[in-house]
């Protein structure tokens, strides 16, 4: 978890191919993070709330996207 400013600072490094926005992020912050991600070479944004069980959700929803982006180099 991070603040908007912390997330923006991290995205500005252009070191991230995927941004995962969790369910606790408000609408204004969500829109701002998507905009920032688009400006800083993030190739995919996963926008959604987590569901239980967490480990199964991550494997099902996040891992395939992260692997795909990593393979693109």
PDB file of N, CA and C in Angstrom:
ATOM      1  N   UNK A   1       0.851  -1.172   0.000  1.00  0.00           N
ATOM      2  CA  UNK A   1       0.000   0.000   0.000  1.00  0.00           C
ATOM      3  C   UNK A   1       0.899   1.239   0.000  1.00  0.00           C
ATOM      4  N   UNK A   2       0.498   2.258  -0.726  1.00  0.00           N
ATOM      5  CA  UNK A   2       1.268   3.497  -0.776  1.00  0.00           C
ATOM      6  C   UNK A   2       0.320   4.674  -0.972  1.00  0.00           C
ATOM      7  N   UNK A   3       0.840   5.856  -0.690  1.00  0.00           N
ATOM      8  CA  UNK A   3       0.058   7.060  -0.949  1.00  0.00           C
ATOM      9  C   UNK A   3       0.114   7.372  -2.432  1.00  0.00           C
ATOM     10  N   UNK A   4      -0.725   8.278  -2.873  1.00  0.00           N
ATOM     11  CA  UNK A   4      -0.697   8.683  -4.285  1.00  0.00           C
ATOM     12  C   UNK A   4       0.683   9.218  -4.660  1.00  0.00           C
ATOM     13  N   UNK A   5       1.263  10.049  -3.796  1.00  0.00           N
ATOM     14  CA  UNK A   5       2.578  10.626  -4.105  1.00  0.00           C
ATOM     15  C   UNK A   5       3.647   9.549  -4.198  1.00  0.00           C
ATOM     16  N   UNK A   6       3.609   8.582  -3.282  1.00  0.00           N
ATOM     17  CA  UNK A   6       4.578   7.488  -3.334  1.00  0.00           C
ATOM     18  C   UNK A   6       4.410   6.665  -4.611  1.00  0.00           C
ATOM     19  N   UNK A   7       3.179   6.381  -4.952  1.00  0.00           N
ATOM     20  CA  UNK A   7       2.917   5.601  -6.168  1.00  0.00           C
ATOM     21  C   UNK A   7       3.372   6.365  -7.405  1.00  0.00           C
ATOM     22  N   UNK A   8       3.077   7.651  -7.456  1.00  0.00           N
ATOM     23  CA  UNK A   8       3.492   8.475  -8.590  1.00  0.00           C
ATOM     24  C   UNK A   8       5.012   8.496  -8.723  1.00  0.00           C
ATOM     25  N   UNK A   9       5.707   8.646  -7.597  1.00  0.00           N
ATOM     26  CA  UNK A   9       7.177   8.655  -7.609  1.00  0.00           C
ATOM     27  C   UNK A   9       7.716   7.333  -8.152  1.00  0.00           C
ATOM     28  N   UNK A  10       7.131   6.230  -7.724  1.00  0.00           N
ATOM     29  CA  UNK A  10       7.559   4.928  -8.229  1.00  0.00           C
ATOM     30  C   UNK A  10       7.280   4.782  -9.719  1.00  0.00           C
ATOM     31  N   UNK A  11       6.107   5.196 -10.162  1.00  0.00           N
ATOM     32  CA  UNK A  11       5.763   5.085 -11.585  1.00  0.00           C
ATOM     33  C   UNK A  11       6.685   5.936 -12.447  1.00  0.00           C
ATOM     34  N   UNK A  12       7.112   7.074 -11.940  1.00  0.00           N
ATOM     35  CA  UNK A  12       7.987   7.966 -12.695  1.00  0.00           C
ATOM     36  C   UNK A  12       9.354   7.352 -12.981  1.00  0.00           C
ATOM     37  N   UNK A  13       9.723   6.297 -12.261  1.00  0.00           N
ATOM     38  CA  UNK A  13      10.991   5.613 -12.533  1.00  0.00           C
ATOM     39  C   UNK A  13      10.934   4.817 -13.832  1.00  0.00           C
ATOM     40  N   UNK A  14       9.732   4.582 -14.322  1.00  0.00           N
ATOM     41  CA  UNK A  14       9.489   3.797 -15.537  1.00  0.00           C
ATOM     42  C   UNK A  14      10.054   2.386 -15.419  1.00  0.00           C
ATOM     43  N   UNK A  15      10.055   1.858 -14.207  1.00  0.00           N
ATOM     44  CA  UNK A  15      10.571   0.518 -13.950  1.00  0.00           C
ATOM     45  C   UNK A  15       9.469  -0.525 -13.836  1.00  0.00           C
ATOM     46  N   UNK A  16       8.226  -0.139 -14.059  1.00  0.00           N
ATOM     47  CA  UNK A  16       7.103  -1.049 -13.857  1.00  0.00           C
ATOM     48  C   UNK A  16       6.352  -1.283 -15.163  1.00  0.00           C
ATOM     49  N   UNK A  17       6.107  -2.551 -15.456  1.00  0.00           N
ATOM     50  CA  UNK A  17       5.327  -2.893 -16.633  1.00  0.00           C
ATOM     51  C   UNK A  17       3.851  -3.077 -16.325  1.00  0.00           C
ATOM     52  N   UNK A  18       3.546  -3.341 -15.044  1.00  0.00           N
ATOM     53  CA  UNK A  18       2.176  -3.610 -14.624  1.00  0.00           C
ATOM     54  C   UNK A  18       1.867  -2.783 -13.388  1.00  0.00           C
ATOM     55  N   UNK A  19       0.686  -2.174 -13.350  1.00  0.00           N
ATOM     56  CA  UNK A  19       0.189  -1.473 -12.172  1.00  0.00           C
ATOM     57  C   UNK A  19      -1.082  -2.174 -11.730  1.00  0.00           C
ATOM     58  N   UNK A  20      -1.116  -2.576 -10.462  1.00  0.00           N
ATOM     59  CA  UNK A  20      -2.299  -3.211  -9.894  1.00  0.00           C
ATOM     60  C   UNK A  20      -2.941  -2.211  -8.946  1.00  0.00           C
ATOM     61  N   UNK A  21      -4.192  -1.837  -9.240  1.00  0.00           N
ATOM     62  CA  UNK A  21      -4.929  -0.902  -8.399  1.00  0.00           C
ATOM     63  C   UNK A  21      -5.958  -1.706  -7.613  1.00  0.00           C
ATOM     64  N   UNK A  22      -5.827  -1.693  -6.298  1.00  0.00           N
ATOM     65  CA  UNK A  22      -6.705  -2.484  -5.440  1.00  0.00           C
ATOM     66  C   UNK A  22      -8.024  -1.793  -5.164  1.00  0.00           C
ATOM     67  N   UNK A  23      -8.898  -2.523  -4.500  1.00  0.00           N
ATOM     68  CA  UNK A  23     -10.245  -2.057  -4.224  1.00  0.00           C
ATOM     69  C   UNK A  23     -10.331  -0.889  -3.264  1.00  0.00           C
ATOM     70  N   UNK A  24      -9.297  -0.656  -2.452  1.00  0.00           N
ATOM     71  CA  UNK A  24      -9.325   0.431  -1.487  1.00  0.00           C
ATOM     72  C   UNK A  24      -8.959   1.789  -2.057  1.00  0.00           C
ATOM     73  N   UNK A  25      -8.680   1.854  -3.342  1.00  0.00           N
ATOM     74  CA  UNK A  25      -8.287   3.108  -3.985  1.00  0.00           C
ATOM     75  C   UNK A  25      -9.536   3.833  -4.458  1.00  0.00           C
ATOM     76  N   UNK A  26      -9.658   5.093  -4.060  1.00  0.00           N
ATOM     77  CA  UNK A  26     -10.823   5.883  -4.430  1.00  0.00           C
ATOM     78  C   UNK A  26     -10.834   6.269  -5.895  1.00  0.00           C
ATOM     79  N   UNK A  27     -11.974   6.717  -6.407  1.00  0.00           N
ATOM     80  CA  UNK A  27     -12.127   7.021  -7.835  1.00  0.00           C
ATOM     81  C   UNK A  27     -11.159   8.083  -8.352  1.00  0.00           C
ATOM     82  N   UNK A  28     -10.925   9.153  -7.598  1.00  0.00           N
ATOM     83  CA  UNK A  28     -10.020  10.205  -8.072  1.00  0.00           C
ATOM     84  C   UNK A  28      -8.590   9.698  -8.139  1.00  0.00           C
ATOM     85  N   UNK A  29      -8.156   8.987  -7.088  1.00  0.00           N
ATOM     86  CA  UNK A  29      -6.806   8.429  -7.081  1.00  0.00           C
ATOM     87  C   UNK A  29      -6.639   7.384  -8.173  1.00  0.00           C
ATOM     88  N   UNK A  30      -7.665   6.580  -8.370  1.00  0.00           N
ATOM     89  CA  UNK A  30      -7.652   5.537  -9.403  1.00  0.00           C
ATOM     90  C   UNK A  30      -7.415   6.166 -10.784  1.00  0.00           C
ATOM     91  N   UNK A  31      -8.152   7.216 -11.086  1.00  0.00           N
ATOM     92  CA  UNK A  31      -8.003   7.891 -12.377  1.00  0.00           C
ATOM     93  C   UNK A  31      -6.620   8.527 -12.512  1.00  0.00           C
ATOM     94  N   UNK A  32      -6.145   9.140 -11.444  1.00  0.00           N
ATOM     95  CA  UNK A  32      -4.826   9.789 -11.474  1.00  0.00           C
ATOM     96  C   UNK A  32      -3.710   8.769 -11.682  1.00  0.00           C
ATOM     97  N   UNK A  33      -3.825   7.610 -11.034  1.00  0.00           N
ATOM     98  CA  UNK A  33      -2.794   6.574 -11.182  1.00  0.00           C
ATOM     99  C   UNK A  33      -2.791   6.002 -12.597  1.00  0.00           C
ATOM    100  N   UNK A  34      -3.964   5.820 -13.165  1.00  0.00           N
ATOM    101  CA  UNK A  34      -4.038   5.327 -14.550  1.00  0.00           C
ATOM    102  C   UNK A  34      -3.394   6.320 -15.506  1.00  0.00           C
ATOM    103  N   UNK A  35      -3.663   7.596 -15.302  1.00  0.00           N
ATOM    104  CA  UNK A  35      -3.073   8.634 -16.148  1.00  0.00           C
ATOM    105  C   UNK A  35      -1.553   8.657 -16.002  1.00  0.00           C
ATOM    106  N   UNK A  36      -1.075   8.592 -14.780  1.00  0.00           N
ATOM    107  CA  UNK A  36       0.360   8.589 -14.525  1.00  0.00           C
ATOM    108  C   UNK A  36       1.009   7.351 -15.144  1.00  0.00           C
ATOM    109  N   UNK A  37       0.368   6.204 -15.004  1.00  0.00           N
ATOM    110  CA  UNK A  37       0.895   4.964 -15.570  1.00  0.00           C
ATOM    111  C   UNK A  37       1.042   5.074 -17.090  1.00  0.00           C
ATOM    112  N   UNK A  38       0.056   5.678 -17.734  1.00  0.00           N
ATOM    113  CA  UNK A  38       0.099   5.825 -19.191  1.00  0.00           C
ATOM    114  C   UNK A  38       1.264   6.711 -19.630  1.00  0.00           C
ATOM    115  N   UNK A  39       1.613   7.672 -18.821  1.00  0.00           N
ATOM    116  CA  UNK A  39       2.709   8.589 -19.153  1.00  0.00           C
ATOM    117  C   UNK A  39       4.082   7.978 -18.910  1.00  0.00           C
ATOM    118  N   UNK A  40       4.127   6.892 -18.121  1.00  0.00           N
ATOM    119  CA  UNK A  40       5.421   6.363 -17.698  1.00  0.00           C
ATOM    120  C   UNK A  40       5.624   4.896 -18.054  1.00  0.00           C
ATOM    121  N   UNK A  41       5.198   4.525 -19.251  1.00  0.00           N
ATOM    122  CA  UNK A  41       5.525   3.251 -19.877  1.00  0.00           C
ATOM    123  C   UNK A  41       4.982   2.016 -19.173  1.00  0.00           C
ATOM    124  N   UNK A  42       3.950   2.154 -18.356  1.00  0.00           N
ATOM    125  CA  UNK A  42       3.299   0.981 -17.779  1.00  0.00           C
ATOM    126  C   UNK A  42       2.448   0.361 -18.877  1.00  0.00           C
ATOM    127  N   UNK A  43       2.689  -0.908 -19.153  1.00  0.00           N
ATOM    128  CA  UNK A  43       2.020  -1.543 -20.293  1.00  0.00           C
ATOM    129  C   UNK A  43       0.640  -2.092 -19.963  1.00  0.00           C
ATOM    130  N   UNK A  44       0.405  -2.456 -18.711  1.00  0.00           N
ATOM    131  CA  UNK A  44      -0.902  -2.994 -18.342  1.00  0.00           C
ATOM    132  C   UNK A  44      -1.315  -2.463 -16.984  1.00  0.00           C
ATOM    133  N   UNK A  45      -2.597  -2.172 -16.835  1.00  0.00           N
ATOM    134  CA  UNK A  45      -3.175  -1.770 -15.553  1.00  0.00           C
ATOM    135  C   UNK A  45      -4.260  -2.775 -15.202  1.00  0.00           C
ATOM    136  N   UNK A  46      -4.150  -3.347 -14.016  1.00  0.00           N
ATOM    137  CA  UNK A  46      -5.177  -4.240 -13.499  1.00  0.00           C
ATOM    138  C   UNK A  46      -5.954  -3.431 -12.479  1.00  0.00           C
ATOM    139  N   UNK A  47      -7.222  -3.238 -12.731  1.00  0.00           N
ATOM    140  CA  UNK A  47      -8.050  -2.358 -11.910  1.00  0.00           C
ATOM    141  C   UNK A  47      -9.157  -3.184 -11.275  1.00  0.00           C
ATOM    142  N   UNK A  48      -8.999  -3.474  -9.996  1.00  0.00           N
ATOM    143  CA  UNK A  48     -10.050  -4.251  -9.361  1.00  0.00           C
ATOM    144  C   UNK A  48      -9.788  -4.546  -7.905  1.00  0.00           C
ATOM    145  N   UNK A  49     -10.814  -4.947  -7.248  1.00  0.00           N
ATOM    146  CA  UNK A  49     -10.726  -5.313  -5.841  1.00  0.00           C
ATOM    147  C   UNK A  49     -10.264  -6.752  -5.717  1.00  0.00           C
ATOM    148  N   UNK A  50      -9.601  -7.038  -4.634  1.00  0.00           N
ATOM    149  CA  UNK A  50      -9.146  -8.392  -4.369  1.00  0.00           C
ATOM    150  C   UNK A  50     -10.283  -9.211  -3.787  1.00  0.00           C
ATOM    151  N   UNK A  51     -10.274 -10.478  -4.076  1.00  0.00           N
ATOM    152  CA  UNK A  51     -11.272 -11.364  -3.493  1.00  0.00           C
ATOM    153  C   UNK A  51     -10.569 -12.481  -2.734  1.00  0.00           C
ATOM    154  N   UNK A  52     -11.298 -13.162  -1.909  1.00  0.00           N
ATOM    155  CA  UNK A  52     -10.751 -14.266  -1.116  1.00  0.00           C
ATOM    156  C   UNK A  52     -10.898 -15.563  -1.893  1.00  0.00           C
ATOM    157  N   UNK A  53     -10.060 -16.529  -1.703  1.00  0.00           N
ATOM    158  CA  UNK A  53      -8.799 -16.439  -0.981  1.00  0.00           C
ATOM    159  C   UNK A  53      -7.775 -15.666  -1.802  1.00  0.00           C
ATOM    160  N   UNK A  54      -7.012 -14.854  -1.127  1.00  0.00           N
ATOM    161  CA  UNK A  54      -6.101 -13.919  -1.776  1.00  0.00           C
ATOM    162  C   UNK A  54      -5.089 -14.610  -2.683  1.00  0.00           C
ATOM    163  N   UNK A  55      -4.463 -15.686  -2.208  1.00  0.00           N
ATOM    164  CA  UNK A  55      -3.427 -16.341  -3.006  1.00  0.00           C
ATOM    165  C   UNK A  55      -3.987 -16.907  -4.310  1.00  0.00           C
ATOM    166  N   UNK A  56      -5.172 -17.477  -4.258  1.00  0.00           N
ATOM    167  CA  UNK A  56      -5.796 -18.009  -5.477  1.00  0.00           C
ATOM    168  C   UNK A  56      -6.159 -16.882  -6.433  1.00  0.00           C
ATOM    169  N   UNK A  57      -6.649 -15.778  -5.893  1.00  0.00           N
ATOM    170  CA  UNK A  57      -7.004 -14.622  -6.725  1.00  0.00           C
ATOM    171  C   UNK A  57      -5.773 -14.078  -7.439  1.00  0.00           C
ATOM    172  N   UNK A  58      -4.668 -13.945  -6.712  1.00  0.00           N
ATOM    173  CA  UNK A  58      -3.432 -13.435  -7.311  1.00  0.00           C
ATOM    174  C   UNK A  58      -2.960 -14.356  -8.420  1.00  0.00           C
ATOM    175  N   UNK A  59      -2.953 -15.655  -8.159  1.00  0.00           N
ATOM    176  CA  UNK A  59      -2.519 -16.609  -9.194  1.00  0.00           C
ATOM    177  C   UNK A  59      -3.421 -16.557 -10.419  1.00  0.00           C
ATOM    178  N   UNK A  60      -4.704 -16.430 -10.205  1.00  0.00           N
ATOM    179  CA  UNK A  60      -5.677 -16.446 -11.309  1.00  0.00           C
ATOM    180  C   UNK A  60      -5.679 -15.139 -12.101  1.00  0.00           C
ATOM    181  N   UNK A  61      -5.647 -14.004 -11.403  1.00  0.00           N
ATOM    182  CA  UNK A  61      -5.839 -12.709 -12.058  1.00  0.00           C
ATOM    183  C   UNK A  61      -4.545 -11.970 -12.394  1.00  0.00           C
ATOM    184  N   UNK A  62      -3.587 -11.991 -11.487  1.00  0.00           N
ATOM    185  CA  UNK A  62      -2.402 -11.153 -11.664  1.00  0.00           C
ATOM    186  C   UNK A  62      -1.246 -11.863 -12.355  1.00  0.00           C
ATOM    187  N   UNK A  63      -0.964 -13.087 -11.947  1.00  0.00           N
ATOM    188  CA  UNK A  63       0.206 -13.773 -12.485  1.00  0.00           C
ATOM    189  C   UNK A  63       0.204 -13.880 -14.005  1.00  0.00           C
ATOM    190  N   UNK A  64      -0.916 -14.235 -14.642  1.00  0.00           N
ATOM    191  CA  UNK A  64      -0.870 -14.325 -16.111  1.00  0.00           C
ATOM    192  C   UNK A  64      -0.516 -12.995 -16.778  1.00  0.00           C
ATOM    193  N   UNK A  65      -1.034 -11.902 -16.257  1.00  0.00           N
ATOM    194  CA  UNK A  65      -0.748 -10.590 -16.844  1.00  0.00           C
ATOM    195  C   UNK A  65       0.709 -10.221 -16.625  1.00  0.00           C
ATOM    196  N   UNK A  66       1.202 -10.439 -15.424  1.00  0.00           N
ATOM    197  CA  UNK A  66       2.594 -10.102 -15.127  1.00  0.00           C
ATOM    198  C   UNK A  66       3.534 -10.944 -15.985  1.00  0.00           C
ATOM    199  N   UNK A  67       3.250 -12.216 -16.129  1.00  0.00           N
ATOM    200  CA  UNK A  67       4.082 -13.079 -16.978  1.00  0.00           C
ATOM    201  C   UNK A  67       4.044 -12.613 -18.432  1.00  0.00           C
ATOM    202  N   UNK A  68       2.884 -12.233 -18.927  1.00  0.00           N
ATOM    203  CA  UNK A  68       2.744 -11.758 -20.302  1.00  0.00           C
ATOM    204  C   UNK A  68       3.581 -10.510 -20.543  1.00  0.00           C
ATOM    205  N   UNK A  69       3.477  -9.558 -19.641  1.00  0.00           N
ATOM    206  CA  UNK A  69       4.247  -8.320 -19.796  1.00  0.00           C
ATOM    207  C   UNK A  69       5.741  -8.580 -19.669  1.00  0.00           C
ATOM    208  N   UNK A  70       6.126  -9.439 -18.749  1.00  0.00           N
ATOM    209  CA  UNK A  70       7.540  -9.775 -18.580  1.00  0.00           C
ATOM    210  C   UNK A  70       8.097 -10.432 -19.849  1.00  0.00           C
ATOM    211  N   UNK A  71       7.304 -11.274 -20.483  1.00  0.00           N
ATOM    212  CA  UNK A  71       7.738 -11.946 -21.701  1.00  0.00           C
ATOM    213  C   UNK A  71       7.912 -10.971 -22.865  1.00  0.00           C
ATOM    214  N   UNK A  72       7.141  -9.888 -22.848  1.00  0.00           N
ATOM    215  CA  UNK A  72       7.249  -8.877 -23.902  1.00  0.00           C
ATOM    216  C   UNK A  72       8.552  -8.108 -23.784  1.00  0.00           C
ATOM    217  N   UNK A  73       9.146  -8.142 -22.595  1.00  0.00           N
ATOM    218  CA  UNK A  73      10.439  -7.507 -22.359  1.00  0.00           C
ATOM    219  C   UNK A  73      10.330  -6.078 -22.238  1.00  0.00           C
TER     220      UNK A  73
END
